[in-house]
Structure formats: C-alpha cells, structure tokens
Amino acid sequence: MQFQRTPQLEKTIAGFPLLKTRDYKAHKSNVHTVGWNCDGRRLASGSIDKSARIWAPERSSDPRTSIELRGHTESVDQLRWDPTHPDHLATASCDRTVRIWDARSGKCIHKVDTSGQNINIAWSPDGHSIAVGNKEDMISFIDTRTFKIEKTAQFNVEVNEISWNPTGDLFLLTTGQGTVKVLDYHTMAELHVLDAHTANCYCLEFDPRGRYLASGSADASVNLWDLDEYVCVRTFGQLNWPIRTLSFSFDGAFIASGSEDLAIDISLVETGESVHQVKCGAAMNTIAWHPNKYLLAYAGDETERGPGGNMVSTGSLRVFGFSG
C-alpha cells in the first residue's frame, strides 16, 4: 500500500519544533538505560551510579517524587519492563545479578545470580522468560514462574543487543560482525543471518505493528528489514556517528535514532524522510518512545561543571514531547 501523509500526520510533524523537553535529574552518574512500562504511566532509568529509578514523568519532574531502586553493587546497564504487567521491572547489572522490582513498593522481589557481568536484557512478549546477556557473550534464560535459569547459550561472536520477535517464537541478536542472527527460540537453532551492516551492529528494534525490524550500527546507518522476507527495504543515514539506540513510535509512523551525534533524528518509517532532530548535549546512550503518546525519553553522557570546576555527569534523563 502506498504511504499516505494524512492531515493528522502533517499536523504532528509540524508540531515537533514547538514541543518542549523536560529534564529529570536524580542520578549521580550517567544514565545508561530508560524504558516505559506497558501502560505508559511510569518511566524507569538505570545508571552507572548502581541505582535505578521509577518516575511518573507526566505528573512531575521533581526527583523527590521518583522511587529509587537500590540493591545492585555495580552499574545498571539495561532494564526492561514486563510487557504483561505494568508494575514489574527487570534490571541487569555488572554485579552478576538480575533483579526484579515491584514498582509500587520500590522493593526487589526476586534476585537471580548469573555467571557473568550483565550488559543486556530482554523480556519475552508473553512475560514468561527473561534473557540476559553478559560480557562473555553468554545468554541466560530465566523462567519468570520459578525465577531460575532454565537454559544458557554461549556465542563465539560479540553479542550487543538481544530481543524476541513480537510473537515470541524467534530470538534475535546483533553482533560485532555487523550481522543480525535470527534463532529459533525453543531450539536456539540459527535460521537466518542478516548481513546488516559494514561495521559493528549495536542495536535492534521491532516495529510495534509487526512489519519491520530496524538495526543500528557503527557505520552510522539504520536499516529497515521486512519481517516476511528478511530483506532490507530502507536505509536511514541522517546521522554521522555510530548508532547506539533505536525506538519506534507507538503507531509505527516514526523511528528515532540516537548516536554520538549531538542530535536524535526522528524520521518517517515509510519514506525515510527526516522530519525533526532533538538537540542533545552529548552522545546518547538510550532512547524510548512512550507506548501510546508522542513522548520520547532519552539519556546520554551529558556533563556540567561541578563545584570544584571539574566537569561531572548531570545524571539526568529527558523527555521530549510536552506542549508546555
């Protein structure tokens, strides 16, 4: 079907330059990961300062209204919400643990010990499994009914990001060889290898409408893959530095990409046209669209001058998309 730029879409694009960004500052060091829960009422952030936080960003940016999650003894590198439960959050840390939190109480309700320093995490669409990857390129799969590791998979390539597909029968990972591996989740048999990029492939993201997979790379490009044929249908090349993080808007109309450029690009998925750039003060580590609104959370390596005159991390995250 030919892509149509509807009046509503035109209005949305025209409104982007008028939207405001709010700053949420509570961490003591760089924020590495952000994510919205499934109903969009909460936003979580994880930091090098060994903590995670839960915010209600549409109500307040005051850090005193956020909930601090303490327990990890090393940096919180990635987090994921349970896609089936708005109050359950999983965090992966270099301290060799995965923690599951209750967002209502701010308490850790499960701790799972793992064999390595954890750097990436994914939660299956049915909520029954959590996958966590470590620096040794091993992925452990945790059964969320028992909170025991049910199986592991060791890879002989650098694994950068992991994810289930929307139906949960496939498991995908990006590699240091520039490829995306598509595996059968139950057997972990390799089904496809996408020669996605000419350099390290850092990130991947699924279109919420189930049409596309996006991959981002150190070659500064974002490729869009058709999920039926696994062919590249479009390339986004608006940024000049390695792509670290990707996110689709809730309706699949826009894709945001963050990199070492001092801007986040927002482009139309169906045409590749760049329609807005959100200015940033540093390289971006993480971005995430709200699950049902045009609100984009992001965080990076931004610094400010401290009391002694030295540059220190702002410890902040931001949300773009507010009208006032």
Protein backbone atom coordinates (compact mmCIF):
# COMPACT_ATOMS: atom_id res chain seq x y z
CA MET A 1 0.00 0.00 0.00
CA GLN A 2 1.31 3.43 -0.89
CA PHE A 3 2.25 5.59 2.07
CA GLN A 4 -0.14 8.50 2.66
CA ARG A 5 0.81 11.66 4.51
CA THR A 6 -2.51 12.32 6.19
CA PRO A 7 -3.54 15.72 7.62
CA GLN A 8 -3.11 14.33 11.14
CA LEU A 9 0.41 13.15 10.35
CA GLU A 10 1.28 16.52 8.80
CA LYS A 11 -0.02 18.25 11.92
CA THR A 12 2.14 16.01 14.13
CA ILE A 13 5.26 16.70 12.06
CA ALA A 14 4.61 20.45 12.06
CA GLY A 15 4.19 20.37 15.83
CA PHE A 16 7.54 18.75 16.62
CA PRO A 17 9.56 22.03 16.62
CA LEU A 18 7.07 23.54 19.09
CA LEU A 19 7.38 20.77 21.65
CA LYS A 20 9.33 21.12 24.89
CA THR A 21 11.80 18.88 26.70
CA ARG A 22 11.69 18.24 30.45
CA ASP A 23 14.75 17.36 32.49
CA TYR A 24 14.60 14.65 35.19
CA LYS A 25 17.68 14.79 37.37
CA ALA A 26 18.34 12.43 40.26
CA HIS A 27 21.15 10.04 39.37
CA LYS A 28 24.73 10.71 40.43
CA SER A 29 26.27 9.49 37.17
CA ASN A 30 25.43 8.80 33.53
CA VAL A 31 22.09 7.17 32.73
CA HIS A 32 22.59 4.12 30.51
CA THR A 33 19.03 2.92 30.04
CA VAL A 34 15.42 4.16 30.07
CA GLY A 35 12.11 2.43 29.42
CA TRP A 36 8.34 2.98 29.72
CA ASN A 37 6.10 0.40 31.33
CA CYS A 38 3.34 -1.19 29.26
CA ASP A 39 0.61 1.32 30.19
CA GLY A 40 2.89 4.37 29.87
CA ARG A 41 2.30 5.65 33.39
CA ARG A 42 5.84 5.01 34.59
CA LEU A 43 9.31 5.58 33.20
CA ALA A 44 12.35 3.78 34.60
CA SER A 45 16.01 4.79 34.38
CA GLY A 46 19.20 2.92 35.22
CA SER A 47 22.61 4.42 35.86
CA ILE A 48 26.30 3.86 36.41
CA ASP A 49 25.62 5.03 40.00
CA LYS A 50 24.32 1.46 40.74
CA SER A 51 20.70 2.56 41.05
CA ALA A 52 17.51 2.57 39.04
CA ARG A 53 14.62 5.00 39.44
CA ILE A 54 10.93 4.98 38.63
CA TRP A 55 9.26 8.21 37.54
CA ALA A 56 5.75 9.41 36.79
CA PRO A 57 7.02 11.89 34.19
CA GLU A 58 3.72 13.44 33.17
CA ARG A 59 2.97 14.37 36.79
CA SER A 60 6.29 15.74 37.99
CA SER A 61 9.99 16.11 37.21
CA ASP A 62 10.83 16.59 40.89
CA PRO A 63 13.23 13.77 41.89
CA ARG A 64 11.57 13.61 45.32
CA THR A 65 8.51 12.13 43.61
CA SER A 66 10.55 9.35 41.99
CA ILE A 67 11.23 5.97 43.58
CA GLU A 68 14.86 4.94 43.98
CA LEU A 69 15.66 1.25 43.50
CA ARG A 70 18.76 0.30 45.47
CA GLY A 71 20.44 -3.10 45.74
CA HIS A 72 22.82 -3.52 42.83
CA THR A 73 26.50 -3.17 43.71
CA GLU A 74 27.65 -2.25 40.19
CA SER A 75 26.25 -0.22 37.29
CA VAL A 76 22.74 -0.84 35.97
CA ASP A 77 23.39 -1.20 32.25
CA GLN A 78 19.96 -2.14 30.89
CA LEU A 79 16.39 -2.55 32.08
CA ARG A 80 13.14 -3.94 30.71
CA TRP A 81 9.54 -3.84 31.95
CA ASP A 82 7.30 -6.90 31.96
CA PRO A 83 5.18 -6.46 28.80
CA THR A 84 2.23 -8.15 30.56
CA HIS A 85 2.38 -6.40 33.96
CA PRO A 86 2.76 -2.63 34.47
CA ASP A 87 4.39 -2.95 37.91
CA HIS A 88 7.22 -5.41 37.27
CA LEU A 89 10.67 -4.20 36.17
CA ALA A 90 13.86 -6.18 35.47
CA THR A 91 17.35 -4.70 35.73
CA ALA A 92 20.64 -6.17 34.50
CA SER A 93 23.87 -5.22 36.26
CA CYS A 94 27.60 -5.81 36.05
CA ASP A 95 27.31 -7.19 39.62
CA ARG A 96 26.35 -10.59 38.08
CA THR A 97 22.70 -10.37 39.09
CA VAL A 98 19.31 -9.68 37.59
CA ARG A 99 16.80 -8.05 39.91
CA ILE A 100 13.03 -7.92 39.56
CA TRP A 101 11.33 -4.96 41.21
CA ASP A 102 7.79 -4.11 42.24
CA ALA A 103 7.26 -0.55 41.01
CA ARG A 104 4.55 0.12 43.59
CA SER A 105 6.74 -0.52 46.61
CA GLY A 106 10.19 0.01 45.09
CA LYS A 107 11.24 -3.33 46.59
CA CYS A 108 13.30 -6.05 44.94
CA ILE A 109 11.04 -9.10 44.80
CA HIS A 110 13.47 -11.51 43.11
CA LYS A 111 17.24 -11.66 42.67
CA VAL A 112 18.78 -14.07 40.16
CA ASP A 113 22.51 -14.77 40.29
CA THR A 114 24.20 -15.15 36.91
CA SER A 115 27.64 -16.26 35.77
CA GLY A 116 28.91 -13.01 34.30
CA GLN A 117 28.75 -9.23 34.20
CA ASN A 118 25.37 -8.49 32.62
CA ILE A 119 25.06 -5.83 29.92
CA ASN A 120 21.82 -6.55 28.06
CA ILE A 121 18.37 -7.87 28.87
CA ALA A 122 15.08 -8.71 27.15
CA TRP A 123 11.65 -9.80 28.39
CA SER A 124 9.60 -12.22 26.26
CA PRO A 125 6.25 -10.98 24.86
CA ASP A 126 4.28 -13.48 26.96
CA GLY A 127 6.10 -12.42 30.14
CA HIS A 128 7.29 -15.96 30.88
CA SER A 129 11.02 -15.52 30.22
CA ILE A 130 13.81 -13.02 30.70
CA ALA A 131 17.01 -13.25 28.66
CA VAL A 132 20.17 -11.65 29.99
CA GLY A 133 23.49 -11.39 28.18
CA ASN A 134 26.90 -10.88 29.75
CA LYS A 135 30.30 -9.56 28.70
CA GLU A 136 31.43 -13.10 27.81
CA ASP A 137 28.66 -13.33 25.16
CA MET A 138 26.65 -15.88 27.11
CA ILE A 139 22.87 -15.51 27.28
CA SER A 140 20.95 -16.94 30.23
CA PHE A 141 17.20 -17.52 30.06
CA ILE A 142 15.26 -17.05 33.30
CA ASP A 143 11.84 -18.64 33.81
CA THR A 144 9.72 -15.94 35.48
CA ARG A 145 7.45 -18.51 37.10
CA THR A 146 10.31 -20.02 39.11
CA PHE A 147 12.98 -17.31 38.71
CA LYS A 148 15.52 -20.00 37.90
CA ILE A 149 17.85 -20.08 34.90
CA GLU A 150 16.30 -22.67 32.57
CA LYS A 151 18.99 -22.69 29.87
CA THR A 152 22.06 -20.84 28.61
CA ALA A 153 23.54 -20.22 25.18
CA GLN A 154 27.19 -19.36 24.51
CA PHE A 155 28.13 -17.45 21.33
CA ASN A 156 31.50 -17.15 19.64
CA VAL A 157 30.81 -13.62 18.41
CA GLU A 158 30.36 -10.32 20.24
CA VAL A 159 26.69 -10.01 21.24
CA ASN A 160 25.49 -6.42 21.60
CA GLU A 161 21.71 -6.47 21.93
CA ILE A 162 19.07 -9.18 22.25
CA SER A 163 15.32 -9.39 21.66
CA TRP A 164 12.42 -11.70 20.98
CA ASN A 165 10.28 -11.01 17.94
CA PRO A 166 6.71 -9.78 18.67
CA THR A 167 5.23 -13.31 18.53
CA GLY A 168 7.92 -14.76 20.80
CA ASP A 169 8.94 -17.72 18.64
CA LEU A 170 12.19 -16.17 17.39
CA PHE A 171 15.15 -14.78 19.28
CA LEU A 172 17.42 -12.20 17.66
CA LEU A 173 20.80 -10.71 18.50
CA THR A 174 23.14 -8.16 16.96
CA THR A 175 26.84 -8.92 16.62
CA GLY A 176 30.25 -7.33 16.39
CA GLN A 177 30.49 -8.70 12.85
CA GLY A 178 27.74 -6.37 11.67
CA THR A 179 25.16 -9.14 11.42
CA VAL A 180 21.77 -9.86 12.96
CA LYS A 181 21.27 -13.51 13.89
CA VAL A 182 17.72 -14.90 13.83
CA LEU A 183 17.32 -18.00 16.01
CA ASP A 184 14.50 -20.38 16.79
CA TYR A 185 13.79 -19.54 20.42
CA HIS A 186 12.99 -23.07 21.62
CA THR A 187 15.97 -24.84 19.99
CA MET A 188 18.32 -21.83 19.55
CA ALA A 189 18.99 -23.13 16.03
CA GLU A 190 20.20 -20.45 13.62
CA LEU A 191 17.53 -19.75 10.97
CA HIS A 192 18.84 -16.61 9.26
CA VAL A 193 21.88 -14.36 9.36
CA LEU A 194 21.27 -10.84 8.08
CA ASP A 195 24.38 -9.20 6.67
CA ALA A 196 23.05 -6.00 8.11
CA HIS A 197 25.97 -3.58 8.27
CA THR A 198 29.59 -2.98 7.33
CA ALA A 199 30.62 -2.43 10.97
CA ASN A 200 29.63 -3.50 14.49
CA CYS A 201 25.83 -3.82 14.82
CA TYR A 202 24.82 -2.30 18.15
CA CYS A 203 21.03 -2.23 18.40
CA LEU A 204 17.77 -3.59 17.06
CA GLU A 205 14.12 -2.67 17.50
CA PHE A 206 10.80 -4.10 16.29
CA ASP A 207 8.06 -2.01 14.75
CA PRO A 208 5.03 -2.26 17.11
CA ARG A 209 2.78 -3.08 14.14
CA GLY A 210 4.84 -6.18 13.35
CA ARG A 211 6.01 -5.13 9.90
CA TYR A 212 9.68 -4.27 10.33
CA LEU A 213 12.90 -4.82 12.23
CA ALA A 214 15.35 -1.91 12.50
CA SER A 215 19.09 -2.35 13.09
CA GLY A 216 21.64 0.32 14.00
CA SER A 217 25.38 0.19 13.55
CA ALA A 218 28.79 1.76 14.00
CA ASP A 219 28.61 2.50 10.26
CA ALA A 220 26.20 5.35 11.21
CA SER A 221 23.26 3.82 9.36
CA VAL A 222 19.88 2.40 10.37
CA ASN A 223 18.50 -0.38 8.18
CA LEU A 224 14.83 -1.35 7.99
CA TRP A 225 14.07 -5.03 7.35
CA ASP A 226 10.86 -6.60 6.10
CA LEU A 227 9.93 -9.33 8.60
CA ASP A 228 8.34 -11.60 6.00
CA GLU A 229 11.24 -11.78 3.57
CA TYR A 230 14.15 -10.51 5.72
CA VAL A 231 15.15 -8.06 3.03
CA CYS A 232 16.34 -4.50 3.65
CA VAL A 233 13.65 -2.14 2.40
CA ARG A 234 15.09 1.19 3.52
CA THR A 235 18.22 2.80 4.96
CA PHE A 236 18.25 5.87 7.20
CA GLY A 237 21.51 7.79 7.04
CA GLN A 238 20.83 11.15 8.63
CA LEU A 239 23.43 10.81 11.41
CA ASN A 240 27.20 10.75 11.06
CA TRP A 241 28.38 8.69 14.03
CA PRO A 242 27.73 5.16 15.39
CA ILE A 243 24.05 4.44 16.08
CA ARG A 244 23.72 3.38 19.72
CA THR A 245 19.96 3.19 20.25
CA LEU A 246 16.66 2.99 18.32
CA SER A 247 12.96 3.30 19.06
CA PHE A 248 9.72 3.17 17.03
CA SER A 249 6.77 5.39 17.94
CA PHE A 250 3.69 3.59 19.25
CA ASP A 251 1.92 3.76 15.87
CA GLY A 252 4.96 2.77 13.83
CA ALA A 253 4.93 6.08 11.95
CA PHE A 254 8.29 7.36 13.24
CA ILE A 255 11.66 5.92 14.11
CA ALA A 256 14.06 7.74 16.42
CA SER A 257 17.78 7.04 16.37
CA GLY A 258 20.42 8.16 18.85
CA SER A 259 24.16 8.19 18.31
CA GLU A 260 27.35 10.06 19.10
CA ASP A 261 25.95 12.99 17.10
CA LEU A 262 24.59 15.84 19.20
CA ALA A 263 21.05 15.19 18.00
CA ILE A 264 18.40 12.48 17.96
CA ASP A 265 16.94 12.00 14.49
CA ILE A 266 13.20 11.40 14.02
CA SER A 267 12.30 10.06 10.58
CA LEU A 268 9.22 8.78 8.83
CA VAL A 269 9.37 4.98 8.70
CA GLU A 270 7.66 4.61 5.32
CA THR A 271 9.70 7.16 3.39
CA GLY A 272 12.95 7.61 5.31
CA GLU A 273 12.43 11.37 5.42
CA SER A 274 13.95 13.11 8.44
CA VAL A 275 11.23 15.32 9.95
CA HIS A 276 12.84 16.57 13.17
CA GLN A 277 16.02 16.46 15.23
CA VAL A 278 16.09 16.75 19.01
CA LYS A 279 19.23 18.64 20.01
CA CYS A 280 21.43 16.96 22.65
CA GLY A 281 24.46 17.98 24.64
CA ALA A 282 26.35 14.70 24.33
CA ALA A 283 26.34 11.22 22.80
CA MET A 284 23.12 9.32 23.50
CA ASN A 285 23.02 6.00 25.36
CA THR A 286 19.31 5.25 25.27
CA ILE A 287 16.00 6.43 23.78
CA ALA A 288 12.42 5.13 24.16
CA TRP A 289 9.07 6.25 22.74
CA HIS A 290 6.04 6.18 25.04
CA PRO A 291 3.68 3.22 24.31
CA ASN A 292 0.73 5.39 23.28
CA LYS A 293 1.86 9.04 23.00
CA TYR A 294 4.45 11.07 21.13
CA LEU A 295 6.74 11.35 24.14
CA LEU A 296 10.39 10.39 23.68
CA ALA A 297 12.60 9.64 26.70
CA TYR A 298 16.36 9.82 26.25
CA ALA A 299 19.63 9.99 28.18
CA GLY A 300 23.32 10.24 27.38
CA ASP A 301 26.76 11.23 28.55
CA GLU A 302 25.96 14.85 29.32
CA THR A 303 28.16 16.74 31.78
CA GLU A 304 28.12 20.01 33.69
CA ARG A 305 30.68 21.99 35.66
CA GLY A 306 30.82 20.83 39.27
CA PRO A 307 31.57 22.84 42.45
CA GLY A 308 35.32 22.39 42.01
CA GLY A 309 35.25 23.46 38.39
CA ASN A 310 35.61 19.93 37.02
CA MET A 311 33.13 18.51 34.52
CA VAL A 312 30.83 15.92 36.09
CA SER A 313 27.90 13.88 34.83
CA THR A 314 24.49 15.55 35.03
CA GLY A 315 22.90 12.22 35.95
CA SER A 316 19.78 13.25 34.07
CA LEU A 317 17.29 11.91 31.58
CA ARG A 318 14.94 13.96 29.44
CA VAL A 319 11.53 13.58 27.85
CA PHE A 320 10.76 15.35 24.58
CA GLY A 321 7.18 15.95 23.51
CA PHE A 322 5.50 18.26 26.01
CA SER A 323 3.43 21.14 24.66
CA GLY A 324 4.08 23.46 27.57
